PDB file of N, CA and C in Angstrom:
ATOM      1  N   MET A   1       0.817  -1.189   0.000  1.00  0.00           N
ATOM      2  CA  MET A   1       0.000   0.000   0.000  1.00  0.00           C
ATOM      3  C   MET A   1       0.865   1.259   0.000  1.00  0.00           C
ATOM      4  N   LYS A   2       1.913   1.254   0.823  1.00  0.00           N
ATOM      5  CA  LYS A   2       2.785   2.428   0.908  1.00  0.00           C
ATOM      6  C   LYS A   2       3.501   2.676  -0.420  1.00  0.00           C
ATOM      7  N   ARG A   3       3.877   1.574  -1.094  1.00  0.00           N
ATOM      8  CA  ARG A   3       4.554   1.719  -2.388  1.00  0.00           C
ATOM      9  C   ARG A   3       3.630   2.400  -3.400  1.00  0.00           C
ATOM     10  N   TRP A   4       2.379   1.972  -3.454  1.00  0.00           N
ATOM     11  CA  TRP A   4       1.427   2.563  -4.395  1.00  0.00           C
ATOM     12  C   TRP A   4       1.207   4.039  -4.104  1.00  0.00           C
ATOM     13  N   LEU A   5       1.155   4.387  -2.844  1.00  0.00           N
ATOM     14  CA  LEU A   5       0.977   5.789  -2.458  1.00  0.00           C
ATOM     15  C   LEU A   5       2.176   6.612  -2.909  1.00  0.00           C
ATOM     16  N   LEU A   6       3.375   6.070  -2.722  1.00  0.00           N
ATOM     17  CA  LEU A   6       4.583   6.754  -3.145  1.00  0.00           C
ATOM     18  C   LEU A   6       4.612   6.928  -4.661  1.00  0.00           C
ATOM     19  N   VAL A   7       4.284   5.874  -5.398  1.00  0.00           N
ATOM     20  CA  VAL A   7       4.247   5.949  -6.859  1.00  0.00           C
ATOM     21  C   VAL A   7       3.221   6.985  -7.315  1.00  0.00           C
ATOM     22  N   LEU A   8       2.047   6.956  -6.724  1.00  0.00           N
ATOM     23  CA  LEU A   8       0.997   7.910  -7.073  1.00  0.00           C
ATOM     24  C   LEU A   8       1.447   9.337  -6.789  1.00  0.00           C
ATOM     25  N   LEU A   9       2.092   9.543  -5.654  1.00  0.00           N
ATOM     26  CA  LEU A   9       2.592  10.865  -5.301  1.00  0.00           C
ATOM     27  C   LEU A   9       3.638  11.350  -6.296  1.00  0.00           C
ATOM     28  N   LEU A  10       4.569  10.489  -6.660  1.00  0.00           N
ATOM     29  CA  LEU A  10       5.615  10.858  -7.617  1.00  0.00           C
ATOM     30  C   LEU A  10       5.032  11.178  -8.990  1.00  0.00           C
ATOM     31  N   VAL A  11       4.106  10.374  -9.460  1.00  0.00           N
ATOM     32  CA  VAL A  11       3.470  10.610 -10.753  1.00  0.00           C
ATOM     33  C   VAL A  11       2.692  11.910 -10.712  1.00  0.00           C
ATOM     34  N   SER A  12       1.972  12.135  -9.655  1.00  0.00           N
ATOM     35  CA  SER A  12       1.175  13.351  -9.507  1.00  0.00           C
ATOM     36  C   SER A  12       2.059  14.584  -9.548  1.00  0.00           C
ATOM     37  N   CYS A  13       3.168  14.555  -8.829  1.00  0.00           N
ATOM     38  CA  CYS A  13       4.074  15.698  -8.798  1.00  0.00           C
ATOM     39  C   CYS A  13       4.725  15.932 -10.146  1.00  0.00           C
ATOM     40  N   SER A  14       5.128  14.880 -10.845  1.00  0.00           N
ATOM     41  CA  SER A  14       5.781  15.055 -12.141  1.00  0.00           C
ATOM     42  C   SER A  14       4.798  15.588 -13.170  1.00  0.00           C
ATOM     43  N   GLU A  15       3.535  15.158 -13.118  1.00  0.00           N
ATOM     44  CA  GLU A  15       2.533  15.678 -14.050  1.00  0.00           C
ATOM     45  C   GLU A  15       2.260  17.142 -13.796  1.00  0.00           C
ATOM     46  N   LYS A  16       2.190  17.545 -12.541  1.00  0.00           N
ATOM     47  CA  LYS A  16       1.931  18.936 -12.214  1.00  0.00           C
ATOM     48  C   LYS A  16       3.062  19.807 -12.734  1.00  0.00           C
ATOM     49  N   LYS A  17       4.290  19.377 -12.544  1.00  0.00           N
ATOM     50  CA  LYS A  17       5.440  20.148 -12.999  1.00  0.00           C
ATOM     51  C   LYS A  17       5.385  20.355 -14.511  1.00  0.00           C
ATOM     52  N   ALA A  18       5.031  19.320 -15.261  1.00  0.00           N
ATOM     53  CA  ALA A  18       4.963  19.427 -16.716  1.00  0.00           C
ATOM     54  C   ALA A  18       3.885  20.413 -17.139  1.00  0.00           C
ATOM     55  N   THR A  19       2.725  20.369 -16.490  1.00  0.00           N
ATOM     56  CA  THR A  19       1.648  21.260 -16.905  1.00  0.00           C
ATOM     57  C   THR A  19       1.914  22.704 -16.518  1.00  0.00           C
ATOM     58  N   GLU A  20       2.756  22.936 -15.529  1.00  0.00           N
ATOM     59  CA  GLU A  20       3.080  24.308 -15.139  1.00  0.00           C
ATOM     60  C   GLU A  20       3.919  25.022 -16.191  1.00  0.00           C
ATOM     61  N   THR A  21       4.495  24.287 -17.109  1.00  0.00           N
ATOM     62  CA  THR A  21       5.319  24.909 -18.138  1.00  0.00           C
ATOM     63  C   THR A  21       4.554  25.127 -19.441  1.00  0.00           C
ATOM     64  N   VAL A  22       3.340  24.611 -19.527  1.00  0.00           N
ATOM     65  CA  VAL A  22       2.484  24.823 -20.691  1.00  0.00           C
ATOM     66  C   VAL A  22       1.417  25.821 -20.264  1.00  0.00           C
ATOM     67  N   LEU A  23       1.461  27.005 -20.864  1.00  0.00           N
ATOM     68  CA  LEU A  23       0.665  28.127 -20.376  1.00  0.00           C
ATOM     69  C   LEU A  23      -0.370  28.602 -21.392  1.00  0.00           C
ATOM     70  N   THR A  24      -1.502  29.054 -20.907  1.00  0.00           N
ATOM     71  CA  THR A  24      -2.509  29.675 -21.768  1.00  0.00           C
ATOM     72  C   THR A  24      -1.923  30.966 -22.322  1.00  0.00           C
ATOM     73  N   PRO A  25      -2.518  31.537 -23.360  1.00  0.00           N
ATOM     74  CA  PRO A  25      -1.991  32.800 -23.890  1.00  0.00           C
ATOM     75  C   PRO A  25      -1.848  33.891 -22.823  1.00  0.00           C
ATOM     76  N   GLN A  26      -2.832  34.036 -21.959  1.00  0.00           N
ATOM     77  CA  GLN A  26      -2.767  35.069 -20.931  1.00  0.00           C
ATOM     78  C   GLN A  26      -1.662  34.778 -19.915  1.00  0.00           C
ATOM     79  N   GLU A  27      -1.537  33.518 -19.498  1.00  0.00           N
ATOM     80  CA  GLU A  27      -0.477  33.134 -18.564  1.00  0.00           C
ATOM     81  C   GLU A  27       0.898  33.301 -19.199  1.00  0.00           C
ATOM     82  N   PHE A  28       1.006  32.889 -20.451  1.00  0.00           N
ATOM     83  CA  PHE A  28       2.256  32.983 -21.203  1.00  0.00           C
ATOM     84  C   PHE A  28       2.709  34.438 -21.282  1.00  0.00           C
ATOM     85  N   ASP A  29       1.797  35.319 -21.654  1.00  0.00           N
ATOM     86  CA  ASP A  29       2.097  36.747 -21.780  1.00  0.00           C
ATOM     87  C   ASP A  29       2.501  37.341 -20.430  1.00  0.00           C
ATOM     88  N   ALA A  30       1.730  37.057 -19.399  1.00  0.00           N
ATOM     89  CA  ALA A  30       2.008  37.617 -18.073  1.00  0.00           C
ATOM     90  C   ALA A  30       3.345  37.120 -17.525  1.00  0.00           C
ATOM     91  N   ARG A  31       3.600  35.831 -17.659  1.00  0.00           N
ATOM     92  CA  ARG A  31       4.851  35.291 -17.125  1.00  0.00           C
ATOM     93  C   ARG A  31       6.047  35.800 -17.930  1.00  0.00           C
ATOM     94  N   TYR A  32       5.895  35.890 -19.254  1.00  0.00           N
ATOM     95  CA  TYR A  32       6.987  36.421 -20.078  1.00  0.00           C
ATOM     96  C   TYR A  32       7.317  37.857 -19.662  1.00  0.00           C
ATOM     97  N   ARG A  33       6.300  38.676 -19.521  1.00  0.00           N
ATOM     98  CA  ARG A  33       6.516  40.082 -19.137  1.00  0.00           C
ATOM     99  C   ARG A  33       7.128  40.222 -17.752  1.00  0.00           C
ATOM    100  N   ALA A  34       6.845  39.274 -16.873  1.00  0.00           N
ATOM    101  CA  ALA A  34       7.348  39.331 -15.500  1.00  0.00           C
ATOM    102  C   ALA A  34       8.730  38.697 -15.338  1.00  0.00           C
ATOM    103  N   THR A  35       9.240  38.080 -16.386  1.00  0.00           N
ATOM    104  CA  THR A  35      10.515  37.369 -16.305  1.00  0.00           C
ATOM    105  C   THR A  35      11.621  38.195 -16.953  1.00  0.00           C
ATOM    106  N   GLU A  36      12.581  38.600 -16.149  1.00  0.00           N
ATOM    107  CA  GLU A  36      13.695  39.397 -16.668  1.00  0.00           C
ATOM    108  C   GLU A  36      14.592  38.564 -17.565  1.00  0.00           C
ATOM    109  N   ASN A  37      15.084  39.194 -18.614  1.00  0.00           N
ATOM    110  CA  ASN A  37      16.044  38.584 -19.544  1.00  0.00           C
ATOM    111  C   ASN A  37      15.533  37.323 -20.229  1.00  0.00           C
ATOM    112  N   ALA A  38      14.238  37.189 -20.377  1.00  0.00           N
ATOM    113  CA  ALA A  38      13.671  36.003 -21.021  1.00  0.00           C
ATOM    114  C   ALA A  38      13.842  36.077 -22.539  1.00  0.00           C
ATOM    115  N   ILE A  39      13.875  34.924 -23.146  1.00  0.00           N
ATOM    116  CA  ILE A  39      13.949  34.803 -24.600  1.00  0.00           C
ATOM    117  C   ILE A  39      12.572  34.356 -25.091  1.00  0.00           C
ATOM    118  N   LEU A  40      12.046  35.057 -26.077  1.00  0.00           N
ATOM    119  CA  LEU A  40      10.775  34.689 -26.699  1.00  0.00           C
ATOM    120  C   LEU A  40      11.112  34.070 -28.046  1.00  0.00           C
ATOM    121  N   LEU A  41      10.829  32.790 -28.193  1.00  0.00           N
ATOM    122  CA  LEU A  41      11.284  32.020 -29.344  1.00  0.00           C
ATOM    123  C   LEU A  41      10.121  31.496 -30.176  1.00  0.00           C
ATOM    124  N   ASP A  42      10.114  31.873 -31.444  1.00  0.00           N
ATOM    125  CA  ASP A  42       9.118  31.442 -32.424  1.00  0.00           C
ATOM    126  C   ASP A  42       9.787  30.370 -33.288  1.00  0.00           C
ATOM    127  N   VAL A  43       9.223  29.171 -33.348  1.00  0.00           N
ATOM    128  CA  VAL A  43       9.849  28.089 -34.117  1.00  0.00           C
ATOM    129  C   VAL A  43       9.122  27.812 -35.432  1.00  0.00           C
ATOM    130  N   ARG A  44       8.296  28.762 -35.875  1.00  0.00           N
ATOM    131  CA  ARG A  44       7.564  28.594 -37.133  1.00  0.00           C
ATOM    132  C   ARG A  44       8.442  28.941 -38.331  1.00  0.00           C
ATOM    133  N   ARG A  45       7.974  28.539 -39.503  1.00  0.00           N
ATOM    134  CA  ARG A  45       8.654  28.844 -40.757  1.00  0.00           C
ATOM    135  C   ARG A  45       8.395  30.306 -41.157  1.00  0.00           C
ATOM    136  N   PRO A  46       9.293  30.895 -41.948  1.00  0.00           N
ATOM    137  CA  PRO A  46       9.130  32.300 -42.346  1.00  0.00           C
ATOM    138  C   PRO A  46       7.773  32.622 -42.974  1.00  0.00           C
ATOM    139  N   GLU A  47       7.233  31.717 -43.782  1.00  0.00           N
ATOM    140  CA  GLU A  47       5.940  31.997 -44.410  1.00  0.00           C
ATOM    141  C   GLU A  47       4.808  32.047 -43.379  1.00  0.00           C
ATOM    142  N   GLU A  48       4.965  31.344 -42.270  1.00  0.00           N
ATOM    143  CA  GLU A  48       3.972  31.412 -41.192  1.00  0.00           C
ATOM    144  C   GLU A  48       4.113  32.723 -40.417  1.00  0.00           C
ATOM    145  N   ILE A  49       5.328  33.149 -40.215  1.00  0.00           N
ATOM    146  CA  ILE A  49       5.591  34.387 -39.485  1.00  0.00           C
ATOM    147  C   ILE A  49       5.056  35.588 -40.245  1.00  0.00           C
ATOM    148  N   ALA A  50       5.017  35.486 -41.569  1.00  0.00           N
ATOM    149  CA  ALA A  50       4.502  36.584 -42.395  1.00  0.00           C
ATOM    150  C   ALA A  50       3.053  36.932 -42.028  1.00  0.00           C
ATOM    151  N   GLY A  51       2.333  35.984 -41.433  1.00  0.00           N
ATOM    152  CA  GLY A  51       0.954  36.224 -41.011  1.00  0.00           C
ATOM    153  C   GLY A  51       0.838  36.860 -39.642  1.00  0.00           C
ATOM    154  N   GLY A  52       1.951  37.178 -39.014  1.00  0.00           N
ATOM    155  CA  GLY A  52       1.968  37.831 -37.714  1.00  0.00           C
ATOM    156  C   GLY A  52       2.780  37.052 -36.700  1.00  0.00           C
ATOM    157  N   LYS A  53       3.341  37.787 -35.760  1.00  0.00           N
ATOM    158  CA  LYS A  53       4.141  37.171 -34.709  1.00  0.00           C
ATOM    159  C   LYS A  53       3.949  37.951 -33.414  1.00  0.00           C
ATOM    160  N   ILE A  54       4.420  37.384 -32.325  1.00  0.00           N
ATOM    161  CA  ILE A  54       4.401  38.070 -31.042  1.00  0.00           C
ATOM    162  C   ILE A  54       5.595  39.017 -31.026  1.00  0.00           C
ATOM    163  N   ALA A  55       5.359  40.249 -30.590  1.00  0.00           N
ATOM    164  CA  ALA A  55       6.414  41.271 -30.582  1.00  0.00           C
ATOM    165  C   ALA A  55       7.639  40.783 -29.809  1.00  0.00           C
ATOM    166  N   ASN A  56       8.796  41.144 -30.320  1.00  0.00           N
ATOM    167  CA  ASN A  56      10.101  40.853 -29.718  1.00  0.00           C
ATOM    168  C   ASN A  56      10.516  39.391 -29.772  1.00  0.00           C
ATOM    169  N   SER A  57       9.827  38.589 -30.549  1.00  0.00           N
ATOM    170  CA  SER A  57      10.230  37.186 -30.640  1.00  0.00           C
ATOM    171  C   SER A  57      11.349  37.024 -31.654  1.00  0.00           C
ATOM    172  N   GLN A  58      12.207  36.061 -31.394  1.00  0.00           N
ATOM    173  CA  GLN A  58      13.240  35.715 -32.361  1.00  0.00           C
ATOM    174  C   GLN A  58      12.859  34.375 -32.962  1.00  0.00           C
ATOM    175  N   ASN A  59      13.340  34.133 -34.162  1.00  0.00           N
ATOM    176  CA  ASN A  59      12.934  32.943 -34.888  1.00  0.00           C
ATOM    177  C   ASN A  59      14.085  31.969 -35.050  1.00  0.00           C
ATOM    178  N   ILE A  60      13.848  30.735 -34.618  1.00  0.00           N
ATOM    179  CA  ILE A  60      14.715  29.604 -34.934  1.00  0.00           C
ATOM    180  C   ILE A  60      13.757  28.511 -35.386  1.00  0.00           C
ATOM    181  N   VAL A  61      13.768  28.218 -36.658  1.00  0.00           N
ATOM    182  CA  VAL A  61      12.817  27.283 -37.249  1.00  0.00           C
ATOM    183  C   VAL A  61      13.021  25.873 -36.692  1.00  0.00           C
ATOM    184  N   TRP A  62      11.909  25.209 -36.385  1.00  0.00           N
ATOM    185  CA  TRP A  62      11.960  23.809 -35.969  1.00  0.00           C
ATOM    186  C   TRP A  62      12.135  22.968 -37.226  1.00  0.00           C
ATOM    187  N   ASP A  63      13.352  22.533 -37.457  1.00  0.00           N
ATOM    188  CA  ASP A  63      13.668  21.664 -38.591  1.00  0.00           C
ATOM    189  C   ASP A  63      14.897  20.847 -38.230  1.00  0.00           C
ATOM    190  N   ALA A  64      15.485  20.190 -39.204  1.00  0.00           N
ATOM    191  CA  ALA A  64      16.624  19.310 -38.948  1.00  0.00           C
ATOM    192  C   ALA A  64      17.836  20.042 -38.371  1.00  0.00           C
ATOM    193  N   SER A  65      17.928  21.351 -38.590  1.00  0.00           N
ATOM    194  CA  SER A  65      19.080  22.113 -38.093  1.00  0.00           C
ATOM    195  C   SER A  65      18.807  22.805 -36.757  1.00  0.00           C
ATOM    196  N   PHE A  66      17.680  22.523 -36.138  1.00  0.00           N
ATOM    197  CA  PHE A  66      17.305  23.202 -34.893  1.00  0.00           C
ATOM    198  C   PHE A  66      18.378  23.070 -33.811  1.00  0.00           C
ATOM    199  N   VAL A  67      18.867  21.872 -33.593  1.00  0.00           N
ATOM    200  CA  VAL A  67      19.869  21.653 -32.540  1.00  0.00           C
ATOM    201  C   VAL A  67      21.109  22.497 -32.803  1.00  0.00           C
ATOM    202  N   ASP A  68      21.572  22.545 -34.033  1.00  0.00           N
ATOM    203  CA  ASP A  68      22.742  23.365 -34.364  1.00  0.00           C
ATOM    204  C   ASP A  68      22.431  24.846 -34.167  1.00  0.00           C
ATOM    205  N   ASN A  69      21.228  25.259 -34.529  1.00  0.00           N
ATOM    206  CA  ASN A  69      20.870  26.676 -34.462  1.00  0.00           C
ATOM    207  C   ASN A  69      20.657  27.194 -33.045  1.00  0.00           C
ATOM    208  N   ILE A  70      20.410  26.306 -32.082  1.00  0.00           N
ATOM    209  CA  ILE A  70      20.255  26.765 -30.698  1.00  0.00           C
ATOM    210  C   ILE A  70      21.565  26.741 -29.924  1.00  0.00           C
ATOM    211  N   SER A  71      22.638  26.309 -30.569  1.00  0.00           N
ATOM    212  CA  SER A  71      23.908  26.160 -29.854  1.00  0.00           C
ATOM    213  C   SER A  71      24.397  27.471 -29.245  1.00  0.00           C
ATOM    214  N   GLY A  72      24.078  28.598 -29.846  1.00  0.00           N
ATOM    215  CA  GLY A  72      24.509  29.883 -29.306  1.00  0.00           C
ATOM    216  C   GLY A  72      23.473  30.567 -28.433  1.00  0.00           C
ATOM    217  N   LEU A  73      22.359  29.913 -28.212  1.00  0.00           N
ATOM    218  CA  LEU A  73      21.274  30.489 -27.418  1.00  0.00           C
ATOM    219  C   LEU A  73      21.663  30.498 -25.941  1.00  0.00           C
ATOM    220  N   GLU A  74      21.526  31.663 -25.321  1.00  0.00           N
ATOM    221  CA  GLU A  74      21.892  31.794 -23.915  1.00  0.00           C
ATOM    222  C   GLU A  74      20.968  30.952 -23.028  1.00  0.00           C
ATOM    223  N   HIS A  75      21.499  30.542 -21.892  1.00  0.00           N
ATOM    224  CA  HIS A  75      20.709  29.760 -20.928  1.00  0.00           C
ATOM    225  C   HIS A  75      19.940  30.720 -20.031  1.00  0.00           C
ATOM    226  N   LYS A  76      18.850  31.207 -20.576  1.00  0.00           N
ATOM    227  CA  LYS A  76      17.921  32.097 -19.880  1.00  0.00           C
ATOM    228  C   LYS A  76      16.547  31.463 -19.984  1.00  0.00           C
ATOM    229  N   PRO A  77      15.568  31.980 -19.235  1.00  0.00           N
ATOM    230  CA  PRO A  77      14.213  31.447 -19.414  1.00  0.00           C
ATOM    231  C   PRO A  77      13.764  31.614 -20.871  1.00  0.00           C
ATOM    232  N   ILE A  78      13.175  30.561 -21.416  1.00  0.00           N
ATOM    233  CA  ILE A  78      12.730  30.582 -22.813  1.00  0.00           C
ATOM    234  C   ILE A  78      11.223  30.375 -22.868  1.00  0.00           C
ATOM    235  N   PHE A  79      10.570  31.251 -23.603  1.00  0.00           N
ATOM    236  CA  PHE A  79       9.140  31.168 -23.870  1.00  0.00           C
ATOM    237  C   PHE A  79       9.007  30.833 -25.343  1.00  0.00           C
ATOM    238  N   ILE A  80       8.429  29.682 -25.642  1.00  0.00           N
ATOM    239  CA  ILE A  80       8.466  29.150 -26.998  1.00  0.00           C
ATOM    240  C   ILE A  80       7.067  28.917 -27.549  1.00  0.00           C
ATOM    241  N   TYR A  81       6.923  29.189 -28.854  1.00  0.00           N
ATOM    242  CA  TYR A  81       5.628  28.949 -29.501  1.00  0.00           C
ATOM    243  C   TYR A  81       5.808  28.618 -30.973  1.00  0.00           C
ATOM    244  N   CYS A  82       4.756  28.000 -31.529  1.00  0.00           N
ATOM    245  CA  CYS A  82       4.683  27.702 -32.957  1.00  0.00           C
ATOM    246  C   CYS A  82       3.259  28.020 -33.402  1.00  0.00           C
ATOM    247  N   ALA A  83       2.761  27.362 -34.407  1.00  0.00           N
ATOM    248  CA  ALA A  83       1.407  27.635 -34.896  1.00  0.00           C
ATOM    249  C   ALA A  83       0.332  27.021 -34.006  1.00  0.00           C
ATOM    250  N   SER A  84       0.552  25.761 -33.569  1.00  0.00           N
ATOM    251  CA  SER A  84      -0.500  25.069 -32.810  1.00  0.00           C
ATOM    252  C   SER A  84      -0.026  24.473 -31.489  1.00  0.00           C
ATOM    253  N   GLY A  85       1.261  24.442 -31.259  1.00  0.00           N
ATOM    254  CA  GLY A  85       1.801  23.886 -30.026  1.00  0.00           C
ATOM    255  C   GLY A  85       2.526  22.568 -30.195  1.00  0.00           C
ATOM    256  N   ILE A  86       2.435  21.962 -31.351  1.00  0.00           N
ATOM    257  CA  ILE A  86       3.061  20.658 -31.567  1.00  0.00           C
ATOM    258  C   ILE A  86       4.578  20.784 -31.744  1.00  0.00           C
ATOM    259  N   ARG A  87       4.999  21.635 -32.672  1.00  0.00           N
ATOM    260  CA  ARG A  87       6.441  21.802 -32.900  1.00  0.00           C
ATOM    261  C   ARG A  87       7.129  22.433 -31.696  1.00  0.00           C
ATOM    262  N   SER A  88       6.464  23.392 -31.057  1.00  0.00           N
ATOM    263  CA  SER A  88       7.091  24.030 -29.894  1.00  0.00           C
ATOM    264  C   SER A  88       7.260  23.026 -28.752  1.00  0.00           C
ATOM    265  N   ALA A  89       6.351  22.068 -28.607  1.00  0.00           N
ATOM    266  CA  ALA A  89       6.501  21.030 -27.577  1.00  0.00           C
ATOM    267  C   ALA A  89       7.726  20.169 -27.874  1.00  0.00           C
ATOM    268  N   LYS A  90       7.924  19.826 -29.141  1.00  0.00           N
ATOM    269  CA  LYS A  90       9.092  19.035 -29.528  1.00  0.00           C
ATOM    270  C   LYS A  90      10.377  19.845 -29.312  1.00  0.00           C
ATOM    271  N   ALA A  91      10.346  21.111 -29.705  1.00  0.00           N
ATOM    272  CA  ALA A  91      11.510  21.976 -29.527  1.00  0.00           C
ATOM    273  C   ALA A  91      11.806  22.186 -28.043  1.00  0.00           C
ATOM    274  N   ALA A  92      10.771  22.334 -27.237  1.00  0.00           N
ATOM    275  CA  ALA A  92      10.953  22.504 -25.790  1.00  0.00           C
ATOM    276  C   ALA A  92      11.620  21.277 -25.190  1.00  0.00           C
ATOM    277  N   ALA A  93      11.228  20.097 -25.642  1.00  0.00           N
ATOM    278  CA  ALA A  93      11.847  18.866 -25.151  1.00  0.00           C
ATOM    279  C   ALA A  93      13.337  18.835 -25.490  1.00  0.00           C
ATOM    280  N   VAL A  94      13.685  19.264 -26.684  1.00  0.00           N
ATOM    281  CA  VAL A  94      15.094  19.310 -27.092  1.00  0.00           C
ATOM    282  C   VAL A  94      15.855  20.326 -26.238  1.00  0.00           C
ATOM    283  N   LEU A  95      15.260  21.492 -26.025  1.00  0.00           N
ATOM    284  CA  LEU A  95      15.911  22.506 -25.194  1.00  0.00           C
ATOM    285  C   LEU A  95      16.172  21.969 -23.788  1.00  0.00           C
ATOM    286  N   LYS A  96      15.206  21.281 -23.225  1.00  0.00           N
ATOM    287  CA  LYS A  96      15.376  20.708 -21.878  1.00  0.00           C
ATOM    288  C   LYS A  96      16.474  19.653 -21.873  1.00  0.00           C
ATOM    289  N   GLU A  97      16.543  18.841 -22.936  1.00  0.00           N
ATOM    290  CA  GLU A  97      17.610  17.845 -23.047  1.00  0.00           C
ATOM    291  C   GLU A  97      18.981  18.505 -23.109  1.00  0.00           C
ATOM    292  N   LYS A  98      19.031  19.700 -23.672  1.00  0.00           N
ATOM    293  CA  LYS A  98      20.295  20.437 -23.821  1.00  0.00           C
ATOM    294  C   LYS A  98      20.629  21.271 -22.589  1.00  0.00           C
ATOM    295  N   GLY A  99      19.826  21.136 -21.533  1.00  0.00           N
ATOM    296  CA  GLY A  99      20.167  21.783 -20.271  1.00  0.00           C
ATOM    297  C   GLY A  99      19.440  23.079 -19.957  1.00  0.00           C
ATOM    298  N   TYR A 100      18.517  23.475 -20.799  1.00  0.00           N
ATOM    299  CA  TYR A 100      17.729  24.677 -20.501  1.00  0.00           C
ATOM    300  C   TYR A 100      16.701  24.285 -19.444  1.00  0.00           C
ATOM    301  N   THR A 101      16.729  24.972 -18.311  1.00  0.00           N
ATOM    302  CA  THR A 101      15.901  24.551 -17.184  1.00  0.00           C
ATOM    303  C   THR A 101      14.545  25.247 -17.122  1.00  0.00           C
ATOM    304  N   GLU A 102      14.446  26.436 -17.671  1.00  0.00           N
ATOM    305  CA  GLU A 102      13.169  27.158 -17.667  1.00  0.00           C
ATOM    306  C   GLU A 102      12.677  27.314 -19.099  1.00  0.00           C
ATOM    307  N   VAL A 103      11.768  26.438 -19.509  1.00  0.00           N
ATOM    308  CA  VAL A 103      11.202  26.477 -20.850  1.00  0.00           C
ATOM    309  C   VAL A 103       9.687  26.461 -20.708  1.00  0.00           C
ATOM    310  N   TYR A 104       9.042  27.498 -21.219  1.00  0.00           N
ATOM    311  CA  TYR A 104       7.593  27.638 -21.128  1.00  0.00           C
ATOM    312  C   TYR A 104       6.993  27.584 -22.531  1.00  0.00           C
ATOM    313  N   GLU A 105       5.922  26.823 -22.672  1.00  0.00           N
ATOM    314  CA  GLU A 105       5.282  26.645 -23.970  1.00  0.00           C
ATOM    315  C   GLU A 105       3.934  27.360 -24.009  1.00  0.00           C
ATOM    316  N   LEU A 106       3.617  27.925 -25.168  1.00  0.00           N
ATOM    317  CA  LEU A 106       2.313  28.550 -25.387  1.00  0.00           C
ATOM    318  C   LEU A 106       1.323  27.473 -25.796  1.00  0.00           C
ATOM    319  N   TYR A 107       0.366  27.172 -24.927  1.00  0.00           N
ATOM    320  CA  TYR A 107      -0.642  26.158 -25.207  1.00  0.00           C
ATOM    321  C   TYR A 107      -1.498  26.601 -26.402  1.00  0.00           C
ATOM    322  N   GLY A 108      -1.550  25.758 -27.427  1.00  0.00           N
ATOM    323  CA  GLY A 108      -2.354  26.067 -28.609  1.00  0.00           C
ATOM    324  C   GLY A 108      -1.647  26.952 -29.616  1.00  0.00           C
ATOM    325  N   GLY A 109      -0.428  27.376 -29.310  1.00  0.00           N
ATOM    326  CA  GLY A 109       0.385  28.146 -30.240  1.00  0.00           C
ATOM    327  C   GLY A 109      -0.209  29.476 -30.662  1.00  0.00           C
ATOM    328  N   MET A 110       0.226  29.925 -31.821  1.00  0.00           N
ATOM    329  CA  MET A 110      -0.194  31.224 -32.340  1.00  0.00           C
ATOM    330  C   MET A 110      -1.694  31.252 -32.619  1.00  0.00           C
ATOM    331  N   GLY A 111      -2.268  30.113 -32.962  1.00  0.00           N
ATOM    332  CA  GLY A 111      -3.720  30.058 -33.184  1.00  0.00           C
ATOM    333  C   GLY A 111      -4.480  30.434 -31.918  1.00  0.00           C
ATOM    334  N   ALA A 112      -4.065  29.890 -30.794  1.00  0.00           N
ATOM    335  CA  ALA A 112      -4.705  30.212 -29.515  1.00  0.00           C
ATOM    336  C   ALA A 112      -4.437  31.661 -29.117  1.00  0.00           C
ATOM    337  N   TRP A 113      -3.234  32.128 -29.401  1.00  0.00           N
ATOM    338  CA  TRP A 113      -2.848  33.511 -29.095  1.00  0.00           C
ATOM    339  C   TRP A 113      -3.795  34.484 -29.828  1.00  0.00           C
ATOM    340  N   LYS A 114      -3.957  34.265 -31.102  1.00  0.00           N
ATOM    341  CA  LYS A 114      -4.842  35.139 -31.897  1.00  0.00           C
ATOM    342  C   LYS A 114      -6.297  35.009 -31.454  1.00  0.00           C
ATOM    343  N   SER A 115      -6.745  33.793 -31.186  1.00  0.00           N
ATOM    344  CA  SER A 115      -8.128  33.566 -30.747  1.00  0.00           C
ATOM    345  C   SER A 115      -8.425  34.272 -29.425  1.00  0.00           C
ATOM    346  N   ALA A 116      -7.393  34.406 -28.589  1.00  0.00           N
ATOM    347  CA  ALA A 116      -7.557  35.068 -27.301  1.00  0.00           C
ATOM    348  C   ALA A 116      -7.502  36.589 -27.433  1.00  0.00           C
ATOM    349  N   GLY A 117      -7.285  37.081 -28.653  1.00  0.00           N
ATOM    350  CA  GLY A 117      -7.237  38.528 -28.880  1.00  0.00           C
ATOM    351  C   GLY A 117      -5.960  39.181 -28.413  1.00  0.00           C
ATOM    352  N   MET A 118      -4.901  38.388 -28.308  1.00  0.00           N
ATOM    353  CA  MET A 118      -3.603  38.909 -27.858  1.00  0.00           C
ATOM    354  C   MET A 118      -2.953  39.657 -29.018  1.00  0.00           C
ATOM    355  N   PRO A 119      -2.066  40.629 -28.708  1.00  0.00           N
ATOM    356  CA  PRO A 119      -1.476  41.468 -29.760  1.00  0.00           C
ATOM    357  C   PRO A 119      -0.532  40.714 -30.692  1.00  0.00           C
ATOM    358  N   VAL A 120      -0.602  41.065 -31.958  1.00  0.00           N
ATOM    359  CA  VAL A 120       0.218  40.462 -33.003  1.00  0.00           C
ATOM    360  C   VAL A 120       0.847  41.591 -33.811  1.00  0.00           C
ATOM    361  N   GLU A 121       2.086  41.414 -34.196  1.00  0.00           N
ATOM    362  CA  GLU A 121       2.713  42.425 -35.077  1.00  0.00           C
ATOM    363  C   GLU A 121       3.037  41.824 -36.417  1.00  0.00           C
TER     364      GLU A 121
END
């Protein structure tokens, strides 16, 4: 019984930690603005960015060269997004594997951002 309780507790805590890094558009915006020296990273392709982006974001496309392209990225808190949240989740996993400890994802990506009426440039 004690083992099951311990396993349940560990699973519960690990799930909570993962969900705390995936933020709604409003949470993403508020936490980004409140975090000093944060990096706002857009992993969409240039043709997607042409339809609008979040102000002050830098672009590193999620593709085969992503790992090479992040090699010079400073180890600061990173706020990452794509069009729907799929590529940014994959990119966030890679960033965490490379030692980035604070990586926040925009739940639903740019589609959710626009649907929430958040500013786009």
